[in-house]
Amino acid sequence: MGTATGSAFDTETLRRGVEGDGNTLLSLYADDAEIRIVDHQSRPSSPKVLHGRGSIAELLDDVYSRDMTHKLEQCVVQGEHAAFTESCEYADGTRVLAESMITLRDGKIAEQIIVQAWDE
């Protein structure tokens, strides 16, 4: 994947983080980053909102402590925006699909919107 033209955002680091560990992924976020999550528990009118790297680190610690695999399916970077698809699978076969749209600032993720769904 490499580094996107015109941006310091490194999609290879994104792949390593998504597929590897939360610490690598956390390194891509700005200190004041914000994540909004929409899923069956957090509806669009009331999304789950995380502010700052501390809150994001707690989320990533939780996610990466689970017995599941993660794969970066696609990533597109254009200027100061990027979008990517992540697929996950729990050990019991339950699958999760997440779509993210991110806004970049100085090569770091400043804002992210995640829409996710999983088998129930």
N, C-alpha and C. Protein backbone atom coordinates (compact mmCIF):
# COMPACT_ATOMS: atom_id res chain seq x y z
N MET A 1 0.81 -1.18 0.00
CA MET A 1 0.00 0.00 0.00
C MET A 1 0.86 1.26 0.00
N GLY A 2 1.80 1.41 0.95
CA GLY A 2 2.72 2.54 0.92
C GLY A 2 2.11 3.82 1.44
N THR A 3 2.86 4.90 1.24
CA THR A 3 2.42 6.21 1.68
C THR A 3 1.65 6.87 0.56
N ALA A 4 0.53 7.47 0.87
CA ALA A 4 -0.30 8.11 -0.13
C ALA A 4 0.38 9.34 -0.69
N THR A 5 0.21 9.57 -1.97
CA THR A 5 0.75 10.75 -2.63
C THR A 5 0.12 12.00 -2.02
N GLY A 6 0.94 12.99 -1.68
CA GLY A 6 0.43 14.25 -1.15
C GLY A 6 0.02 14.18 0.32
N SER A 7 0.33 13.10 0.99
CA SER A 7 -0.07 12.96 2.39
C SER A 7 1.00 12.17 3.12
N ALA A 8 1.17 12.49 4.39
CA ALA A 8 2.12 11.73 5.20
C ALA A 8 1.46 10.51 5.82
N PHE A 9 0.18 10.27 5.50
CA PHE A 9 -0.54 9.13 6.07
C PHE A 9 -0.01 7.84 5.45
N ASP A 10 0.42 6.92 6.29
CA ASP A 10 1.05 5.69 5.84
C ASP A 10 0.04 4.54 5.90
N THR A 11 -0.45 4.13 4.74
CA THR A 11 -1.44 3.06 4.70
C THR A 11 -0.85 1.71 5.06
N GLU A 12 0.44 1.54 4.92
CA GLU A 12 1.07 0.29 5.34
C GLU A 12 1.05 0.18 6.87
N THR A 13 1.25 1.29 7.56
CA THR A 13 1.15 1.29 9.02
C THR A 13 -0.30 1.03 9.43
N LEU A 14 -1.25 1.58 8.68
CA LEU A 14 -2.66 1.28 8.94
C LEU A 14 -2.91 -0.21 8.83
N ARG A 15 -2.42 -0.84 7.77
CA ARG A 15 -2.61 -2.29 7.60
C ARG A 15 -1.98 -3.06 8.75
N ARG A 16 -0.74 -2.72 9.10
CA ARG A 16 -0.07 -3.41 10.21
C ARG A 16 -0.83 -3.23 11.52
N GLY A 17 -1.37 -2.03 11.73
CA GLY A 17 -2.12 -1.77 12.95
C GLY A 17 -3.43 -2.52 12.99
N VAL A 18 -4.21 -2.44 11.92
CA VAL A 18 -5.50 -3.13 11.87
C VAL A 18 -5.30 -4.63 12.03
N GLU A 19 -4.34 -5.18 11.32
CA GLU A 19 -4.15 -6.63 11.32
C GLU A 19 -3.27 -7.12 12.45
N GLY A 20 -2.61 -6.21 13.15
CA GLY A 20 -1.66 -6.63 14.17
C GLY A 20 -2.05 -6.28 15.58
N ASP A 21 -1.89 -5.00 15.94
CA ASP A 21 -2.12 -4.64 17.34
C ASP A 21 -2.59 -3.19 17.46
N GLY A 22 -3.25 -2.94 18.57
CA GLY A 22 -3.81 -1.63 18.82
C GLY A 22 -2.78 -0.53 19.01
N ASN A 23 -1.59 -0.86 19.51
CA ASN A 23 -0.57 0.17 19.72
C ASN A 23 -0.10 0.77 18.40
N THR A 24 0.09 -0.06 17.40
CA THR A 24 0.48 0.44 16.08
C THR A 24 -0.63 1.30 15.51
N LEU A 25 -1.86 0.84 15.64
CA LEU A 25 -2.99 1.60 15.14
C LEU A 25 -3.13 2.92 15.90
N LEU A 26 -2.96 2.91 17.20
CA LEU A 26 -3.06 4.12 18.01
C LEU A 26 -2.06 5.18 17.57
N SER A 27 -0.90 4.77 17.10
CA SER A 27 0.13 5.73 16.67
C SER A 27 -0.32 6.59 15.50
N LEU A 28 -1.37 6.19 14.80
CA LEU A 28 -1.86 6.95 13.65
C LEU A 28 -2.83 8.07 14.03
N TYR A 29 -3.24 8.13 15.29
CA TYR A 29 -4.24 9.11 15.73
C TYR A 29 -3.58 10.36 16.30
N ALA A 30 -4.17 11.52 15.97
CA ALA A 30 -3.76 12.77 16.59
C ALA A 30 -4.14 12.74 18.07
N ASP A 31 -3.47 13.53 18.88
CA ASP A 31 -3.75 13.56 20.32
C ASP A 31 -5.21 13.91 20.62
N ASP A 32 -5.79 14.79 19.80
CA ASP A 32 -7.16 15.25 20.04
C ASP A 32 -8.17 14.61 19.08
N ALA A 33 -7.84 13.44 18.57
CA ALA A 33 -8.72 12.76 17.60
C ALA A 33 -10.08 12.45 18.20
N GLU A 34 -11.06 12.34 17.30
CA GLU A 34 -12.42 11.98 17.70
C GLU A 34 -12.91 10.84 16.83
N ILE A 35 -13.54 9.85 17.45
CA ILE A 35 -14.15 8.73 16.73
C ILE A 35 -15.64 8.73 17.05
N ARG A 36 -16.46 8.61 15.99
CA ARG A 36 -17.90 8.39 16.16
C ARG A 36 -18.21 7.00 15.62
N ILE A 37 -18.91 6.20 16.43
CA ILE A 37 -19.23 4.82 16.06
C ILE A 37 -20.75 4.68 15.95
N VAL A 38 -21.18 4.13 14.81
CA VAL A 38 -22.59 3.85 14.58
C VAL A 38 -22.73 2.35 14.36
N ASP A 39 -23.63 1.72 15.12
CA ASP A 39 -23.91 0.29 14.97
C ASP A 39 -25.29 0.01 15.56
N HIS A 40 -25.59 -1.25 15.82
CA HIS A 40 -26.93 -1.58 16.33
C HIS A 40 -27.15 -1.09 17.77
N GLN A 41 -26.09 -0.78 18.48
CA GLN A 41 -26.22 -0.26 19.84
C GLN A 41 -26.17 1.26 19.88
N SER A 42 -25.46 1.86 18.96
CA SER A 42 -25.27 3.31 18.92
C SER A 42 -25.81 3.82 17.59
N ARG A 43 -27.03 4.27 17.60
CA ARG A 43 -27.73 4.68 16.38
C ARG A 43 -27.17 5.99 15.84
N PRO A 44 -27.44 6.29 14.57
CA PRO A 44 -26.92 7.53 13.97
C PRO A 44 -27.30 8.79 14.74
N SER A 45 -28.48 8.82 15.35
CA SER A 45 -28.90 10.00 16.11
C SER A 45 -28.20 10.12 17.47
N SER A 46 -27.56 9.05 17.90
CA SER A 46 -26.85 9.05 19.18
C SER A 46 -25.63 8.13 19.11
N PRO A 47 -24.64 8.50 18.28
CA PRO A 47 -23.47 7.63 18.12
C PRO A 47 -22.61 7.60 19.39
N LYS A 48 -21.82 6.56 19.50
CA LYS A 48 -20.82 6.51 20.56
C LYS A 48 -19.68 7.43 20.11
N VAL A 49 -19.26 8.36 20.97
CA VAL A 49 -18.22 9.31 20.60
C VAL A 49 -17.06 9.19 21.57
N LEU A 50 -15.87 9.03 21.01
CA LEU A 50 -14.64 8.96 21.80
C LEU A 50 -13.81 10.20 21.50
N HIS A 51 -13.30 10.85 22.55
CA HIS A 51 -12.49 12.05 22.39
C HIS A 51 -11.08 11.78 22.91
N GLY A 52 -10.08 12.00 22.08
CA GLY A 52 -8.69 11.93 22.51
C GLY A 52 -8.11 10.53 22.46
N ARG A 53 -6.78 10.51 22.42
CA ARG A 53 -6.06 9.24 22.30
C ARG A 53 -6.27 8.32 23.50
N GLY A 54 -6.49 8.88 24.68
CA GLY A 54 -6.73 8.04 25.86
C GLY A 54 -7.97 7.19 25.71
N SER A 55 -9.06 7.81 25.29
CA SER A 55 -10.32 7.07 25.07
C SER A 55 -10.18 6.08 23.93
N ILE A 56 -9.48 6.50 22.88
CA ILE A 56 -9.26 5.61 21.73
C ILE A 56 -8.41 4.42 22.15
N ALA A 57 -7.40 4.65 22.97
CA ALA A 57 -6.54 3.56 23.47
C ALA A 57 -7.37 2.54 24.25
N GLU A 58 -8.31 3.00 25.08
CA GLU A 58 -9.17 2.08 25.83
C GLU A 58 -10.00 1.21 24.89
N LEU A 59 -10.56 1.81 23.85
CA LEU A 59 -11.33 1.05 22.87
C LEU A 59 -10.44 0.01 22.19
N LEU A 60 -9.27 0.43 21.72
CA LEU A 60 -8.38 -0.50 21.02
C LEU A 60 -7.89 -1.61 21.94
N ASP A 61 -7.61 -1.30 23.21
CA ASP A 61 -7.20 -2.34 24.16
C ASP A 61 -8.30 -3.39 24.30
N ASP A 62 -9.55 -2.93 24.37
CA ASP A 62 -10.67 -3.85 24.48
C ASP A 62 -10.79 -4.71 23.22
N VAL A 63 -10.80 -4.08 22.06
CA VAL A 63 -10.98 -4.81 20.80
C VAL A 63 -9.86 -5.82 20.58
N TYR A 64 -8.61 -5.40 20.79
CA TYR A 64 -7.49 -6.29 20.50
C TYR A 64 -7.22 -7.32 21.60
N SER A 65 -7.97 -7.25 22.71
CA SER A 65 -7.85 -8.29 23.74
C SER A 65 -8.77 -9.47 23.43
N ARG A 66 -9.65 -9.31 22.45
CA ARG A 66 -10.61 -10.36 22.09
C ARG A 66 -9.98 -11.40 21.18
N ASP A 67 -10.52 -12.61 21.23
CA ASP A 67 -10.04 -13.71 20.38
C ASP A 67 -10.67 -13.58 19.00
N MET A 68 -10.03 -12.73 18.17
CA MET A 68 -10.57 -12.48 16.84
C MET A 68 -9.45 -12.04 15.91
N THR A 69 -9.70 -12.15 14.62
CA THR A 69 -8.76 -11.70 13.61
C THR A 69 -9.30 -10.45 12.94
N HIS A 70 -8.41 -9.64 12.40
CA HIS A 70 -8.76 -8.39 11.73
C HIS A 70 -8.03 -8.34 10.39
N LYS A 71 -8.71 -7.85 9.37
CA LYS A 71 -8.09 -7.72 8.05
C LYS A 71 -8.50 -6.40 7.42
N LEU A 72 -7.51 -5.66 6.92
CA LEU A 72 -7.78 -4.46 6.15
C LEU A 72 -8.08 -4.89 4.73
N GLU A 73 -9.31 -4.71 4.31
CA GLU A 73 -9.75 -5.17 2.99
C GLU A 73 -9.41 -4.17 1.90
N GLN A 74 -9.72 -2.91 2.13
CA GLN A 74 -9.50 -1.86 1.14
C GLN A 74 -9.15 -0.58 1.87
N CYS A 75 -8.39 0.29 1.19
CA CYS A 75 -8.10 1.60 1.72
C CYS A 75 -7.89 2.55 0.55
N VAL A 76 -8.55 3.69 0.62
CA VAL A 76 -8.42 4.72 -0.41
C VAL A 76 -8.08 6.02 0.30
N VAL A 77 -7.04 6.69 -0.18
CA VAL A 77 -6.64 7.98 0.38
C VAL A 77 -6.73 9.02 -0.72
N GLN A 78 -7.39 10.13 -0.40
CA GLN A 78 -7.47 11.23 -1.34
C GLN A 78 -7.31 12.53 -0.56
N GLY A 79 -6.19 13.18 -0.76
CA GLY A 79 -5.93 14.42 -0.04
C GLY A 79 -5.92 14.20 1.46
N GLU A 80 -6.76 14.94 2.15
CA GLU A 80 -6.84 14.85 3.61
C GLU A 80 -7.96 13.95 4.10
N HIS A 81 -8.40 13.02 3.25
CA HIS A 81 -9.44 12.07 3.63
C HIS A 81 -9.03 10.66 3.21
N ALA A 82 -9.53 9.70 3.95
CA ALA A 82 -9.29 8.30 3.61
C ALA A 82 -10.51 7.50 4.03
N ALA A 83 -10.68 6.37 3.37
CA ALA A 83 -11.76 5.44 3.72
C ALA A 83 -11.17 4.04 3.68
N PHE A 84 -11.63 3.20 4.59
CA PHE A 84 -11.16 1.81 4.57
C PHE A 84 -12.22 0.86 5.09
N THR A 85 -12.08 -0.39 4.65
CA THR A 85 -12.96 -1.48 5.07
C THR A 85 -12.15 -2.45 5.90
N GLU A 86 -12.69 -2.84 7.04
CA GLU A 86 -12.05 -3.81 7.92
C GLU A 86 -13.01 -4.96 8.15
N SER A 87 -12.53 -6.18 7.96
CA SER A 87 -13.34 -7.35 8.27
C SER A 87 -12.69 -8.08 9.44
N CYS A 88 -13.54 -8.60 10.31
CA CYS A 88 -13.06 -9.29 11.51
C CYS A 88 -13.83 -10.59 11.67
N GLU A 89 -13.20 -11.53 12.38
CA GLU A 89 -13.89 -12.78 12.68
C GLU A 89 -13.48 -13.26 14.06
N TYR A 90 -14.51 -13.52 14.89
CA TYR A 90 -14.28 -14.09 16.21
C TYR A 90 -13.96 -15.58 16.07
N ALA A 91 -13.38 -16.16 17.11
CA ALA A 91 -13.02 -17.58 17.10
C ALA A 91 -14.23 -18.48 16.85
N ASP A 92 -15.43 -18.04 17.27
CA ASP A 92 -16.63 -18.86 17.08
C ASP A 92 -17.25 -18.70 15.69
N GLY A 93 -16.61 -17.91 14.82
CA GLY A 93 -17.10 -17.72 13.46
C GLY A 93 -17.93 -16.48 13.24
N THR A 94 -18.28 -15.76 14.30
CA THR A 94 -19.03 -14.51 14.17
C THR A 94 -18.19 -13.50 13.40
N ARG A 95 -18.80 -12.88 12.41
CA ARG A 95 -18.09 -11.93 11.57
C ARG A 95 -18.56 -10.50 11.83
N VAL A 96 -17.62 -9.57 11.63
CA VAL A 96 -17.89 -8.15 11.79
C VAL A 96 -17.34 -7.45 10.55
N LEU A 97 -18.08 -6.46 10.06
CA LEU A 97 -17.62 -5.64 8.95
C LEU A 97 -17.73 -4.19 9.38
N ALA A 98 -16.65 -3.43 9.21
CA ALA A 98 -16.63 -2.03 9.60
C ALA A 98 -16.13 -1.17 8.43
N GLU A 99 -16.83 -0.09 8.20
CA GLU A 99 -16.44 0.90 7.19
C GLU A 99 -16.04 2.17 7.93
N SER A 100 -14.91 2.75 7.56
CA SER A 100 -14.45 3.97 8.21
C SER A 100 -14.17 5.06 7.19
N MET A 101 -14.56 6.27 7.54
CA MET A 101 -14.20 7.47 6.80
C MET A 101 -13.39 8.32 7.76
N ILE A 102 -12.20 8.72 7.34
CA ILE A 102 -11.34 9.49 8.23
C ILE A 102 -10.94 10.82 7.60
N THR A 103 -10.73 11.79 8.48
CA THR A 103 -10.18 13.08 8.10
C THR A 103 -8.78 13.14 8.68
N LEU A 104 -7.82 13.53 7.85
CA LEU A 104 -6.43 13.57 8.25
C LEU A 104 -5.99 15.00 8.54
N ARG A 105 -5.08 15.13 9.48
CA ARG A 105 -4.43 16.41 9.77
C ARG A 105 -2.97 16.12 10.03
N ASP A 106 -2.11 16.67 9.21
CA ASP A 106 -0.66 16.45 9.35
C ASP A 106 -0.31 14.97 9.34
N GLY A 107 -1.02 14.20 8.50
CA GLY A 107 -0.74 12.78 8.36
C GLY A 107 -1.29 11.89 9.47
N LYS A 108 -2.02 12.47 10.41
CA LYS A 108 -2.62 11.71 11.51
C LYS A 108 -4.14 11.73 11.38
N ILE A 109 -4.78 10.74 11.96
CA ILE A 109 -6.23 10.68 11.96
C ILE A 109 -6.76 11.69 12.97
N ALA A 110 -7.53 12.67 12.47
CA ALA A 110 -8.11 13.68 13.34
C ALA A 110 -9.56 13.34 13.68
N GLU A 111 -10.29 12.79 12.70
CA GLU A 111 -11.68 12.39 12.89
C GLU A 111 -11.92 11.08 12.17
N GLN A 112 -12.75 10.25 12.76
CA GLN A 112 -13.10 8.97 12.14
C GLN A 112 -14.57 8.67 12.43
N ILE A 113 -15.27 8.25 11.40
CA ILE A 113 -16.63 7.75 11.54
C ILE A 113 -16.60 6.28 11.18
N ILE A 114 -17.06 5.43 12.09
CA ILE A 114 -17.09 3.99 11.87
C ILE A 114 -18.55 3.54 11.84
N VAL A 115 -18.93 2.83 10.79
CA VAL A 115 -20.23 2.19 10.71
C VAL A 115 -19.94 0.68 10.68
N GLN A 116 -20.47 -0.05 11.64
CA GLN A 116 -20.13 -1.47 11.74
C GLN A 116 -21.37 -2.32 11.96
N ALA A 117 -21.27 -3.55 11.48
CA ALA A 117 -22.34 -4.53 11.64
C ALA A 117 -21.70 -5.88 11.87
N TRP A 118 -22.39 -6.74 12.62
CA TRP A 118 -21.87 -8.09 12.85
C TRP A 118 -23.00 -9.10 12.87
N ASP A 119 -22.60 -10.36 12.68
CA ASP A 119 -23.55 -11.46 12.73
C ASP A 119 -24.21 -11.51 14.11
N GLU A 120 -25.51 -11.80 14.11
CA GLU A 120 -26.19 -11.95 15.40
C GLU A 120 -27.05 -13.19 15.35
